[in-house]
Amino acid sequence: MTKPLTVDLPHQLGAEEAKRRMQGSIGKLKDHIPGGSADVVSSWEGDRMNLAVQAMGQEVSAKIDVHETIVRVEVMLPGMLSFFGKQIEGYLKSKGGQLLEDKSKR
């Protein structure tokens, strides 16, 4: 089992607003996954989103904890994808904030 990849996404939204925005954005996650046919399943337990993504024969699971000033993303990468951990971490840091954009005003 590989060590989880953890990324903190800072925000100034407060926990409830961050959670609301994530709920509105998660359905578009599959559009950002290469291969064109990703299966994304999410569920909430309090302020934690459990996420499972299946694409290209791989499954990635994540726990996303919403706090007042950060969203902590903890991703478990399967063996093959763990080789790309640094690149995936960089992508999450640069694009992860898109989950927190307010899509209701578009």
PDB file of N, CA and C in Angstrom:
ATOM      1  N   MET A   1       0.842  -1.178   0.000  1.00  0.00           N
ATOM      2  CA  MET A   1       0.000   0.000   0.000  1.00  0.00           C
ATOM      3  C   MET A   1       0.883   1.236   0.000  1.00  0.00           C
ATOM      4  N   THR A   2       0.542   2.171  -0.863  1.00  0.00           N
ATOM      5  CA  THR A   2       1.349   3.379  -0.957  1.00  0.00           C
ATOM      6  C   THR A   2       0.902   4.409   0.070  1.00  0.00           C
ATOM      7  N   LYS A   3       1.790   5.330   0.355  1.00  0.00           N
ATOM      8  CA  LYS A   3       1.497   6.429   1.270  1.00  0.00           C
ATOM      9  C   LYS A   3       0.546   7.404   0.568  1.00  0.00           C
ATOM     10  N   PRO A   4      -0.446   7.925   1.289  1.00  0.00           N
ATOM     11  CA  PRO A   4      -1.370   8.862   0.632  1.00  0.00           C
ATOM     12  C   PRO A   4      -0.667  10.158   0.244  1.00  0.00           C
ATOM     13  N   LEU A   5      -1.124  10.725  -0.839  1.00  0.00           N
ATOM     14  CA  LEU A   5      -0.654  12.024  -1.298  1.00  0.00           C
ATOM     15  C   LEU A   5      -1.600  13.054  -0.683  1.00  0.00           C
ATOM     16  N   THR A   6      -1.068  14.023   0.050  1.00  0.00           N
ATOM     17  CA  THR A   6      -1.900  15.003   0.746  1.00  0.00           C
ATOM     18  C   THR A   6      -1.593  16.396   0.243  1.00  0.00           C
ATOM     19  N   VAL A   7      -2.661  17.118  -0.114  1.00  0.00           N
ATOM     20  CA  VAL A   7      -2.538  18.490  -0.603  1.00  0.00           C
ATOM     21  C   VAL A   7      -3.547  19.346   0.151  1.00  0.00           C
ATOM     22  N   ASP A   8      -3.092  20.490   0.663  1.00  0.00           N
ATOM     23  CA  ASP A   8      -3.977  21.454   1.302  1.00  0.00           C
ATOM     24  C   ASP A   8      -4.257  22.585   0.322  1.00  0.00           C
ATOM     25  N   LEU A   9      -5.546  22.873   0.136  1.00  0.00           N
ATOM     26  CA  LEU A   9      -5.971  23.966  -0.725  1.00  0.00           C
ATOM     27  C   LEU A   9      -6.528  25.077   0.166  1.00  0.00           C
ATOM     28  N   PRO A  10      -5.777  26.166   0.336  1.00  0.00           N
ATOM     29  CA  PRO A  10      -6.258  27.246   1.202  1.00  0.00           C
ATOM     30  C   PRO A  10      -7.433  27.992   0.553  1.00  0.00           C
ATOM     31  N   HIS A  11      -8.318  28.505   1.395  1.00  0.00           N
ATOM     32  CA  HIS A  11      -9.435  29.314   0.902  1.00  0.00           C
ATOM     33  C   HIS A  11      -9.889  30.248   2.023  1.00  0.00           C
ATOM     34  N   GLN A  12     -10.747  31.198   1.674  1.00  0.00           N
ATOM     35  CA  GLN A  12     -11.291  32.139   2.651  1.00  0.00           C
ATOM     36  C   GLN A  12     -12.814  32.111   2.610  1.00  0.00           C
ATOM     37  N   LEU A  13     -13.375  30.961   2.314  1.00  0.00           N
ATOM     38  CA  LEU A  13     -14.813  30.841   2.092  1.00  0.00           C
ATOM     39  C   LEU A  13     -15.596  30.427   3.334  1.00  0.00           C
ATOM     40  N   GLY A  14     -14.948  29.845   4.290  1.00  0.00           N
ATOM     41  CA  GLY A  14     -15.644  29.190   5.390  1.00  0.00           C
ATOM     42  C   GLY A  14     -16.016  27.786   4.946  1.00  0.00           C
ATOM     43  N   ALA A  15     -16.200  26.892   5.903  1.00  0.00           N
ATOM     44  CA  ALA A  15     -16.422  25.482   5.581  1.00  0.00           C
ATOM     45  C   ALA A  15     -17.719  25.245   4.813  1.00  0.00           C
ATOM     46  N   GLU A  16     -18.814  25.888   5.231  1.00  0.00           N
ATOM     47  CA  GLU A  16     -20.105  25.633   4.581  1.00  0.00           C
ATOM     48  C   GLU A  16     -20.106  26.069   3.121  1.00  0.00           C
ATOM     49  N   GLU A  17     -19.549  27.248   2.834  1.00  0.00           N
ATOM     50  CA  GLU A  17     -19.516  27.730   1.449  1.00  0.00           C
ATOM     51  C   GLU A  17     -18.579  26.882   0.599  1.00  0.00           C
ATOM     52  N   ALA A  18     -17.444  26.483   1.160  1.00  0.00           N
ATOM     53  CA  ALA A  18     -16.521  25.618   0.414  1.00  0.00           C
ATOM     54  C   ALA A  18     -17.198  24.298   0.066  1.00  0.00           C
ATOM     55  N   LYS A  19     -17.915  23.738   1.014  1.00  0.00           N
ATOM     56  CA  LYS A  19     -18.623  22.478   0.778  1.00  0.00           C
ATOM     57  C   LYS A  19     -19.701  22.654  -0.291  1.00  0.00           C
ATOM     58  N   ARG A  20     -20.453  23.736  -0.235  1.00  0.00           N
ATOM     59  CA  ARG A  20     -21.495  23.998  -1.231  1.00  0.00           C
ATOM     60  C   ARG A  20     -20.899  24.085  -2.637  1.00  0.00           C
ATOM     61  N   ARG A  21     -19.792  24.783  -2.740  1.00  0.00           N
ATOM     62  CA  ARG A  21     -19.154  24.937  -4.048  1.00  0.00           C
ATOM     63  C   ARG A  21     -18.618  23.603  -4.561  1.00  0.00           C
ATOM     64  N   MET A  22     -18.048  22.813  -3.667  1.00  0.00           N
ATOM     65  CA  MET A  22     -17.540  21.500  -4.081  1.00  0.00           C
ATOM     66  C   MET A  22     -18.682  20.619  -4.584  1.00  0.00           C
ATOM     67  N   GLN A  23     -19.808  20.666  -3.891  1.00  0.00           N
ATOM     68  CA  GLN A  23     -20.956  19.864  -4.311  1.00  0.00           C
ATOM     69  C   GLN A  23     -21.412  20.262  -5.709  1.00  0.00           C
ATOM     70  N   GLY A  24     -21.291  21.539  -6.041  1.00  0.00           N
ATOM     71  CA  GLY A  24     -21.686  22.007  -7.366  1.00  0.00           C
ATOM     72  C   GLY A  24     -20.671  21.720  -8.453  1.00  0.00           C
ATOM     73  N   SER A  25     -19.432  21.442  -8.079  1.00  0.00           N
ATOM     74  CA  SER A  25     -18.359  21.258  -9.056  1.00  0.00           C
ATOM     75  C   SER A  25     -17.964  19.810  -9.298  1.00  0.00           C
ATOM     76  N   ILE A  26     -18.238  18.924  -8.366  1.00  0.00           N
ATOM     77  CA  ILE A  26     -17.692  17.567  -8.431  1.00  0.00           C
ATOM     78  C   ILE A  26     -18.162  16.818  -9.675  1.00  0.00           C
ATOM     79  N   GLY A  27     -19.337  17.128 -10.166  1.00  0.00           N
ATOM     80  CA  GLY A  27     -19.845  16.458 -11.358  1.00  0.00           C
ATOM     81  C   GLY A  27     -19.019  16.723 -12.606  1.00  0.00           C
ATOM     82  N   LYS A  28     -18.238  17.792 -12.589  1.00  0.00           N
ATOM     83  CA  LYS A  28     -17.408  18.140 -13.746  1.00  0.00           C
ATOM     84  C   LYS A  28     -16.000  17.553 -13.656  1.00  0.00           C
ATOM     85  N   LEU A  29     -15.718  16.848 -12.565  1.00  0.00           N
ATOM     86  CA  LEU A  29     -14.389  16.275 -12.371  1.00  0.00           C
ATOM     87  C   LEU A  29     -13.991  15.349 -13.510  1.00  0.00           C
ATOM     88  N   LYS A  30     -14.929  14.544 -13.981  1.00  0.00           N
ATOM     89  CA  LYS A  30     -14.596  13.577 -15.035  1.00  0.00           C
ATOM     90  C   LYS A  30     -14.128  14.247 -16.317  1.00  0.00           C
ATOM     91  N   ASP A  31     -14.483  15.520 -16.528  1.00  0.00           N
ATOM     92  CA  ASP A  31     -14.029  16.248 -17.711  1.00  0.00           C
ATOM     93  C   ASP A  31     -12.534  16.538 -17.676  1.00  0.00           C
ATOM     94  N   HIS A  32     -11.919  16.426 -16.503  1.00  0.00           N
ATOM     95  CA  HIS A  32     -10.493  16.727 -16.347  1.00  0.00           C
ATOM     96  C   HIS A  32      -9.622  15.472 -16.306  1.00  0.00           C
ATOM     97  N   ILE A  33     -10.234  14.320 -16.507  1.00  0.00           N
ATOM     98  CA  ILE A  33      -9.494  13.066 -16.422  1.00  0.00           C
ATOM     99  C   ILE A  33      -9.251  12.529 -17.822  1.00  0.00           C
ATOM    100  N   PRO A  34      -7.987  12.270 -18.166  1.00  0.00           N
ATOM    101  CA  PRO A  34      -7.683  11.761 -19.503  1.00  0.00           C
ATOM    102  C   PRO A  34      -8.356  10.422 -19.771  1.00  0.00           C
ATOM    103  N   GLY A  35      -8.613  10.147 -21.015  1.00  0.00           N
ATOM    104  CA  GLY A  35      -9.169   8.855 -21.406  1.00  0.00           C
ATOM    105  C   GLY A  35     -10.614   8.921 -21.829  1.00  0.00           C
ATOM    106  N   GLY A  36     -11.330   9.953 -21.386  1.00  0.00           N
ATOM    107  CA  GLY A  36     -12.680  10.183 -21.872  1.00  0.00           C
ATOM    108  C   GLY A  36     -13.802   9.382 -21.242  1.00  0.00           C
ATOM    109  N   SER A  37     -13.517   8.346 -20.465  1.00  0.00           N
ATOM    110  CA  SER A  37     -14.628   7.570 -19.902  1.00  0.00           C
ATOM    111  C   SER A  37     -14.375   7.260 -18.431  1.00  0.00           C
ATOM    112  N   ALA A  38     -14.268   8.292 -17.641  1.00  0.00           N
ATOM    113  CA  ALA A  38     -14.039   8.120 -16.210  1.00  0.00           C
ATOM    114  C   ALA A  38     -15.366   7.933 -15.484  1.00  0.00           C
ATOM    115  N   ASP A  39     -15.335   7.113 -14.453  1.00  0.00           N
ATOM    116  CA  ASP A  39     -16.482   6.913 -13.584  1.00  0.00           C
ATOM    117  C   ASP A  39     -16.133   7.556 -12.239  1.00  0.00           C
ATOM    118  N   VAL A  40     -16.897   8.571 -11.848  1.00  0.00           N
ATOM    119  CA  VAL A  40     -16.634   9.308 -10.617  1.00  0.00           C
ATOM    120  C   VAL A  40     -17.802   9.106  -9.660  1.00  0.00           C
ATOM    121  N   VAL A  41     -17.515   8.620  -8.457  1.00  0.00           N
ATOM    122  CA  VAL A  41     -18.540   8.400  -7.438  1.00  0.00           C
ATOM    123  C   VAL A  41     -18.118   9.165  -6.188  1.00  0.00           C
ATOM    124  N   SER A  42     -19.040   9.974  -5.669  1.00  0.00           N
ATOM    125  CA  SER A  42     -18.735  10.726  -4.452  1.00  0.00           C
ATOM    126  C   SER A  42     -19.867  10.587  -3.447  1.00  0.00           C
ATOM    127  N   SER A  43     -19.510  10.688  -2.178  1.00  0.00           N
ATOM    128  CA  SER A  43     -20.496  10.678  -1.095  1.00  0.00           C
ATOM    129  C   SER A  43     -19.959  11.530   0.042  1.00  0.00           C
ATOM    130  N   TRP A  44     -20.879  12.078   0.837  1.00  0.00           N
ATOM    131  CA  TRP A  44     -20.500  12.932   1.948  1.00  0.00           C
ATOM    132  C   TRP A  44     -20.784  12.257   3.276  1.00  0.00           C
ATOM    133  N   GLU A  45     -19.861  12.440   4.207  1.00  0.00           N
ATOM    134  CA  GLU A  45     -20.035  12.061   5.611  1.00  0.00           C
ATOM    135  C   GLU A  45     -19.643  13.286   6.418  1.00  0.00           C
ATOM    136  N   GLY A  46     -20.617  14.078   6.797  1.00  0.00           N
ATOM    137  CA  GLY A  46     -20.320  15.324   7.494  1.00  0.00           C
ATOM    138  C   GLY A  46     -19.582  16.268   6.573  1.00  0.00           C
ATOM    139  N   ASP A  47     -18.384  16.695   6.975  1.00  0.00           N
ATOM    140  CA  ASP A  47     -17.573  17.604   6.170  1.00  0.00           C
ATOM    141  C   ASP A  47     -16.507  16.869   5.369  1.00  0.00           C
ATOM    142  N   ARG A  48     -16.675  15.576   5.186  1.00  0.00           N
ATOM    143  CA  ARG A  48     -15.732  14.777   4.394  1.00  0.00           C
ATOM    144  C   ARG A  48     -16.420  14.225   3.152  1.00  0.00           C
ATOM    145  N   MET A  49     -15.793  14.473   2.013  1.00  0.00           N
ATOM    146  CA  MET A  49     -16.254  13.865   0.776  1.00  0.00           C
ATOM    147  C   MET A  49     -15.375  12.644   0.507  1.00  0.00           C
ATOM    148  N   ASN A  50     -16.008  11.499   0.308  1.00  0.00           N
ATOM    149  CA  ASN A  50     -15.297  10.301  -0.121  1.00  0.00           C
ATOM    150  C   ASN A  50     -15.455  10.231  -1.629  1.00  0.00           C
ATOM    151  N   LEU A  51     -14.369   9.989  -2.306  1.00  0.00           N
ATOM    152  CA  LEU A  51     -14.360  10.047  -3.757  1.00  0.00           C
ATOM    153  C   LEU A  51     -13.668   8.815  -4.316  1.00  0.00           C
ATOM    154  N   ALA A  52     -14.247   8.231  -5.351  1.00  0.00           N
ATOM    155  CA  ALA A  52     -13.621   7.117  -6.070  1.00  0.00           C
ATOM    156  C   ALA A  52     -13.695   7.431  -7.553  1.00  0.00           C
ATOM    157  N   VAL A  53     -12.562   7.311  -8.220  1.00  0.00           N
ATOM    158  CA  VAL A  53     -12.483   7.585  -9.653  1.00  0.00           C
ATOM    159  C   VAL A  53     -11.897   6.359 -10.339  1.00  0.00           C
ATOM    160  N   GLN A  54     -12.603   5.855 -11.327  1.00  0.00           N
ATOM    161  CA  GLN A  54     -12.107   4.741 -12.138  1.00  0.00           C
ATOM    162  C   GLN A  54     -11.940   5.231 -13.562  1.00  0.00           C
ATOM    163  N   ALA A  55     -10.743   5.019 -14.108  1.00  0.00           N
ATOM    164  CA  ALA A  55     -10.445   5.425 -15.480  1.00  0.00           C
ATOM    165  C   ALA A  55      -9.238   4.653 -15.971  1.00  0.00           C
ATOM    166  N   MET A  56      -9.260   4.282 -17.211  1.00  0.00           N
ATOM    167  CA  MET A  56      -8.130   3.614 -17.865  1.00  0.00           C
ATOM    168  C   MET A  56      -7.608   2.424 -17.064  1.00  0.00           C
ATOM    169  N   GLY A  57      -8.518   1.657 -16.477  1.00  0.00           N
ATOM    170  CA  GLY A  57      -8.136   0.457 -15.745  1.00  0.00           C
ATOM    171  C   GLY A  57      -7.545   0.705 -14.368  1.00  0.00           C
ATOM    172  N   GLN A  58      -7.601   1.927 -13.884  1.00  0.00           N
ATOM    173  CA  GLN A  58      -7.060   2.275 -12.575  1.00  0.00           C
ATOM    174  C   GLN A  58      -8.176   2.835 -11.697  1.00  0.00           C
ATOM    175  N   GLU A  59      -8.061   2.632 -10.391  1.00  0.00           N
ATOM    176  CA  GLU A  59      -8.997   3.248  -9.456  1.00  0.00           C
ATOM    177  C   GLU A  59      -8.221   4.064  -8.440  1.00  0.00           C
ATOM    178  N   VAL A  60      -8.661   5.286  -8.261  1.00  0.00           N
ATOM    179  CA  VAL A  60      -8.061   6.201  -7.303  1.00  0.00           C
ATOM    180  C   VAL A  60      -9.136   6.568  -6.300  1.00  0.00           C
ATOM    181  N   SER A  61      -8.796   6.504  -5.018  1.00  0.00           N
ATOM    182  CA  SER A  61      -9.746   6.925  -3.984  1.00  0.00           C
ATOM    183  C   SER A  61      -9.165   8.134  -3.264  1.00  0.00           C
ATOM    184  N   ALA A  62     -10.076   8.961  -2.758  1.00  0.00           N
ATOM    185  CA  ALA A  62      -9.648  10.167  -2.053  1.00  0.00           C
ATOM    186  C   ALA A  62     -10.613  10.490  -0.926  1.00  0.00           C
ATOM    187  N   LYS A  63     -10.064  11.140   0.088  1.00  0.00           N
ATOM    188  CA  LYS A  63     -10.853  11.723   1.163  1.00  0.00           C
ATOM    189  C   LYS A  63     -10.586  13.217   1.099  1.00  0.00           C
ATOM    190  N   ILE A  64     -11.645  13.990   1.064  1.00  0.00           N
ATOM    191  CA  ILE A  64     -11.508  15.439   0.975  1.00  0.00           C
ATOM    192  C   ILE A  64     -12.204  16.041   2.183  1.00  0.00           C
ATOM    193  N   ASP A  65     -11.412  16.617   3.083  1.00  0.00           N
ATOM    194  CA  ASP A  65     -11.941  17.187   4.316  1.00  0.00           C
ATOM    195  C   ASP A  65     -12.033  18.702   4.182  1.00  0.00           C
ATOM    196  N   VAL A  66     -13.224  19.235   4.452  1.00  0.00           N
ATOM    197  CA  VAL A  66     -13.478  20.663   4.337  1.00  0.00           C
ATOM    198  C   VAL A  66     -13.354  21.305   5.716  1.00  0.00           C
ATOM    199  N   HIS A  67     -12.465  22.285   5.818  1.00  0.00           N
ATOM    200  CA  HIS A  67     -12.257  23.047   7.046  1.00  0.00           C
ATOM    201  C   HIS A  67     -12.554  24.518   6.761  1.00  0.00           C
ATOM    202  N   GLU A  68     -12.545  25.334   7.772  1.00  0.00           N
ATOM    203  CA  GLU A  68     -12.865  26.760   7.619  1.00  0.00           C
ATOM    204  C   GLU A  68     -11.929  27.481   6.647  1.00  0.00           C
ATOM    205  N   THR A  69     -10.627  27.133   6.651  1.00  0.00           N
ATOM    206  CA  THR A  69      -9.664  27.876   5.823  1.00  0.00           C
ATOM    207  C   THR A  69      -8.872  27.006   4.854  1.00  0.00           C
ATOM    208  N   ILE A  70      -9.072  25.695   4.899  1.00  0.00           N
ATOM    209  CA  ILE A  70      -8.403  24.806   3.936  1.00  0.00           C
ATOM    210  C   ILE A  70      -9.340  23.669   3.552  1.00  0.00           C
ATOM    211  N   VAL A  71      -9.060  23.131   2.398  1.00  0.00           N
ATOM    212  CA  VAL A  71      -9.633  21.857   1.989  1.00  0.00           C
ATOM    213  C   VAL A  71      -8.452  20.907   1.869  1.00  0.00           C
ATOM    214  N   ARG A  72      -8.464  19.838   2.645  1.00  0.00           N
ATOM    215  CA  ARG A  72      -7.374  18.860   2.637  1.00  0.00           C
ATOM    216  C   ARG A  72      -7.780  17.675   1.770  1.00  0.00           C
ATOM    217  N   VAL A  73      -6.989  17.438   0.730  1.00  0.00           N
ATOM    218  CA  VAL A  73      -7.239  16.345  -0.203  1.00  0.00           C
ATOM    219  C   VAL A  73      -6.210  15.257   0.074  1.00  0.00           C
ATOM    220  N   GLU A  74      -6.679  14.058   0.381  1.00  0.00           N
ATOM    221  CA  GLU A  74      -5.806  12.910   0.632  1.00  0.00           C
ATOM    222  C   GLU A  74      -6.143  11.843  -0.402  1.00  0.00           C
ATOM    223  N   VAL A  75      -5.193  11.576  -1.287  1.00  0.00           N
ATOM    224  CA  VAL A  75      -5.412  10.680  -2.415  1.00  0.00           C
ATOM    225  C   VAL A  75      -4.579   9.419  -2.243  1.00  0.00           C
ATOM    226  N   MET A  76      -5.223   8.277  -2.432  1.00  0.00           N
ATOM    227  CA  MET A  76      -4.512   6.997  -2.443  1.00  0.00           C
ATOM    228  C   MET A  76      -4.317   6.590  -3.904  1.00  0.00           C
ATOM    229  N   LEU A  77      -3.068   6.555  -4.329  1.00  0.00           N
ATOM    230  CA  LEU A  77      -2.753   6.199  -5.705  1.00  0.00           C
ATOM    231  C   LEU A  77      -2.392   4.723  -5.794  1.00  0.00           C
ATOM    232  N   PRO A  78      -2.923   4.012  -6.789  1.00  0.00           N
ATOM    233  CA  PRO A  78      -2.502   2.622  -6.979  1.00  0.00           C
ATOM    234  C   PRO A  78      -1.047   2.591  -7.446  1.00  0.00           C
ATOM    235  N   GLY A  79      -0.431   1.433  -7.349  1.00  0.00           N
ATOM    236  CA  GLY A  79       0.987   1.262  -7.657  1.00  0.00           C
ATOM    237  C   GLY A  79       1.490   1.978  -8.890  1.00  0.00           C
ATOM    238  N   MET A  80       0.846   1.748 -10.031  1.00  0.00           N
ATOM    239  CA  MET A  80       1.320   2.351 -11.286  1.00  0.00           C
ATOM    240  C   MET A  80       1.270   3.877 -11.243  1.00  0.00           C
ATOM    241  N   LEU A  81       0.210   4.421 -10.695  1.00  0.00           N
ATOM    242  CA  LEU A  81       0.070   5.875 -10.661  1.00  0.00           C
ATOM    243  C   LEU A  81       0.943   6.528  -9.604  1.00  0.00           C
ATOM    244  N   SER A  82       1.406   5.772  -8.621  1.00  0.00           N
ATOM    245  CA  SER A  82       2.246   6.356  -7.576  1.00  0.00           C
ATOM    246  C   SER A  82       3.559   6.898  -8.154  1.00  0.00           C
ATOM    247  N   PHE A  83       3.970   6.373  -9.309  1.00  0.00           N
ATOM    248  CA  PHE A  83       5.172   6.892  -9.967  1.00  0.00           C
ATOM    249  C   PHE A  83       4.978   8.331 -10.433  1.00  0.00           C
ATOM    250  N   PHE A  84       3.726   8.743 -10.587  1.00  0.00           N
ATOM    251  CA  PHE A  84       3.415  10.093 -11.050  1.00  0.00           C
ATOM    252  C   PHE A  84       2.941  10.989  -9.905  1.00  0.00           C
ATOM    253  N   GLY A  85       3.253  10.599  -8.692  1.00  0.00           N
ATOM    254  CA  GLY A  85       2.786  11.313  -7.505  1.00  0.00           C
ATOM    255  C   GLY A  85       3.121  12.794  -7.508  1.00  0.00           C
ATOM    256  N   LYS A  86       4.339  13.153  -7.840  1.00  0.00           N
ATOM    257  CA  LYS A  86       4.749  14.568  -7.829  1.00  0.00           C
ATOM    258  C   LYS A  86       3.977  15.365  -8.875  1.00  0.00           C
ATOM    259  N   GLN A  87       3.777  14.782 -10.054  1.00  0.00           N
ATOM    260  CA  GLN A  87       3.031  15.476 -11.101  1.00  0.00           C
ATOM    261  C   GLN A  87       1.560  15.635 -10.699  1.00  0.00           C
ATOM    262  N   ILE A  88       0.993  14.601 -10.098  1.00  0.00           N
ATOM    263  CA  ILE A  88      -0.405  14.663  -9.653  1.00  0.00           C
ATOM    264  C   ILE A  88      -0.547  15.681  -8.529  1.00  0.00           C
ATOM    265  N   GLU A  89       0.414  15.712  -7.617  1.00  0.00           N
ATOM    266  CA  GLU A  89       0.394  16.705  -6.543  1.00  0.00           C
ATOM    267  C   GLU A  89       0.437  18.118  -7.118  1.00  0.00           C
ATOM    268  N   GLY A  90       1.314  18.343  -8.086  1.00  0.00           N
ATOM    269  CA  GLY A  90       1.405  19.659  -8.730  1.00  0.00           C
ATOM    270  C   GLY A  90       0.109  20.049  -9.424  1.00  0.00           C
ATOM    271  N   TYR A  91      -0.518  19.071 -10.078  1.00  0.00           N
ATOM    272  CA  TYR A  91      -1.787  19.331 -10.766  1.00  0.00           C
ATOM    273  C   TYR A  91      -2.873  19.695  -9.752  1.00  0.00           C
ATOM    274  N   LEU A  92      -2.934  18.958  -8.647  1.00  0.00           N
ATOM    275  CA  LEU A  92      -3.930  19.258  -7.616  1.00  0.00           C
ATOM    276  C   LEU A  92      -3.718  20.652  -7.033  1.00  0.00           C
ATOM    277  N   LYS A  93      -2.470  21.026  -6.818  1.00  0.00           N
ATOM    278  CA  LYS A  93      -2.183  22.350  -6.267  1.00  0.00           C
ATOM    279  C   LYS A  93      -2.562  23.455  -7.247  1.00  0.00           C
ATOM    280  N   SER A  94      -2.315  23.225  -8.531  1.00  0.00           N
ATOM    281  CA  SER A  94      -2.597  24.274  -9.509  1.00  0.00           C
ATOM    282  C   SER A  94      -4.061  24.315  -9.935  1.00  0.00           C
ATOM    283  N   LYS A  95      -4.733  23.176 -10.000  1.00  0.00           N
ATOM    284  CA  LYS A  95      -6.116  23.122 -10.502  1.00  0.00           C
ATOM    285  C   LYS A  95      -7.154  22.789  -9.442  1.00  0.00           C
ATOM    286  N   GLY A  96      -6.722  22.356  -8.278  1.00  0.00           N
ATOM    287  CA  GLY A  96      -7.668  21.939  -7.234  1.00  0.00           C
ATOM    288  C   GLY A  96      -8.596  23.048  -6.787  1.00  0.00           C
ATOM    289  N   GLY A  97      -8.127  24.270  -6.854  1.00  0.00           N
ATOM    290  CA  GLY A  97      -8.964  25.397  -6.472  1.00  0.00           C
ATOM    291  C   GLY A  97     -10.196  25.556  -7.345  1.00  0.00           C
ATOM    292  N   GLN A  98     -10.188  24.964  -8.533  1.00  0.00           N
ATOM    293  CA  GLN A  98     -11.353  25.037  -9.415  1.00  0.00           C
ATOM    294  C   GLN A  98     -12.580  24.376  -8.772  1.00  0.00           C
ATOM    295  N   LEU A  99     -12.357  23.427  -7.883  1.00  0.00           N
ATOM    296  CA  LEU A  99     -13.466  22.814  -7.153  1.00  0.00           C
ATOM    297  C   LEU A  99     -14.192  23.838  -6.288  1.00  0.00           C
ATOM    298  N   LEU A 100     -13.478  24.905  -5.910  1.00  0.00           N
ATOM    299  CA  LEU A 100     -14.042  25.899  -5.001  1.00  0.00           C
ATOM    300  C   LEU A 100     -14.581  27.130  -5.727  1.00  0.00           C
ATOM    301  N   GLU A 101     -14.512  27.148  -7.049  1.00  0.00           N
ATOM    302  CA  GLU A 101     -15.071  28.276  -7.800  1.00  0.00           C
ATOM    303  C   GLU A 101     -16.591  28.243  -7.693  1.00  0.00           C
ATOM    304  N   ASP A 102     -17.184  29.420  -7.673  1.00  0.00           N
ATOM    305  CA  ASP A 102     -18.646  29.506  -7.580  1.00  0.00           C
ATOM    306  C   ASP A 102     -19.250  29.334  -8.967  1.00  0.00           C
ATOM    307  N   LYS A 103     -19.807  28.163  -9.231  1.00  0.00           N
ATOM    308  CA  LYS A 103     -20.393  27.853 -10.525  1.00  0.00           C
ATOM    309  C   LYS A 103     -21.852  28.311 -10.631  1.00  0.00           C
ATOM    310  N   SER A 104     -22.458  28.725  -9.527  1.00  0.00           N
ATOM    311  CA  SER A 104     -23.871  29.089  -9.542  1.00  0.00           C
ATOM    312  C   SER A 104     -24.122  30.414 -10.257  1.00  0.00           C
ATOM    313  N   LYS A 105     -23.110  31.224 -10.439  1.00  0.00           N
ATOM    314  CA  LYS A 105     -23.274  32.541 -11.062  1.00  0.00           C
ATOM    315  C   LYS A 105     -23.030  32.512 -12.561  1.00  0.00           C
ATOM    316  N   ARG A 106     -22.821  31.341 -13.138  1.00  0.00           N
ATOM    317  CA  ARG A 106     -22.535  31.248 -14.572  1.00  0.00           C
ATOM    318  C   ARG A 106     -23.762  30.884 -15.338  1.00  0.00           C
TER     319      ARG A 106
END
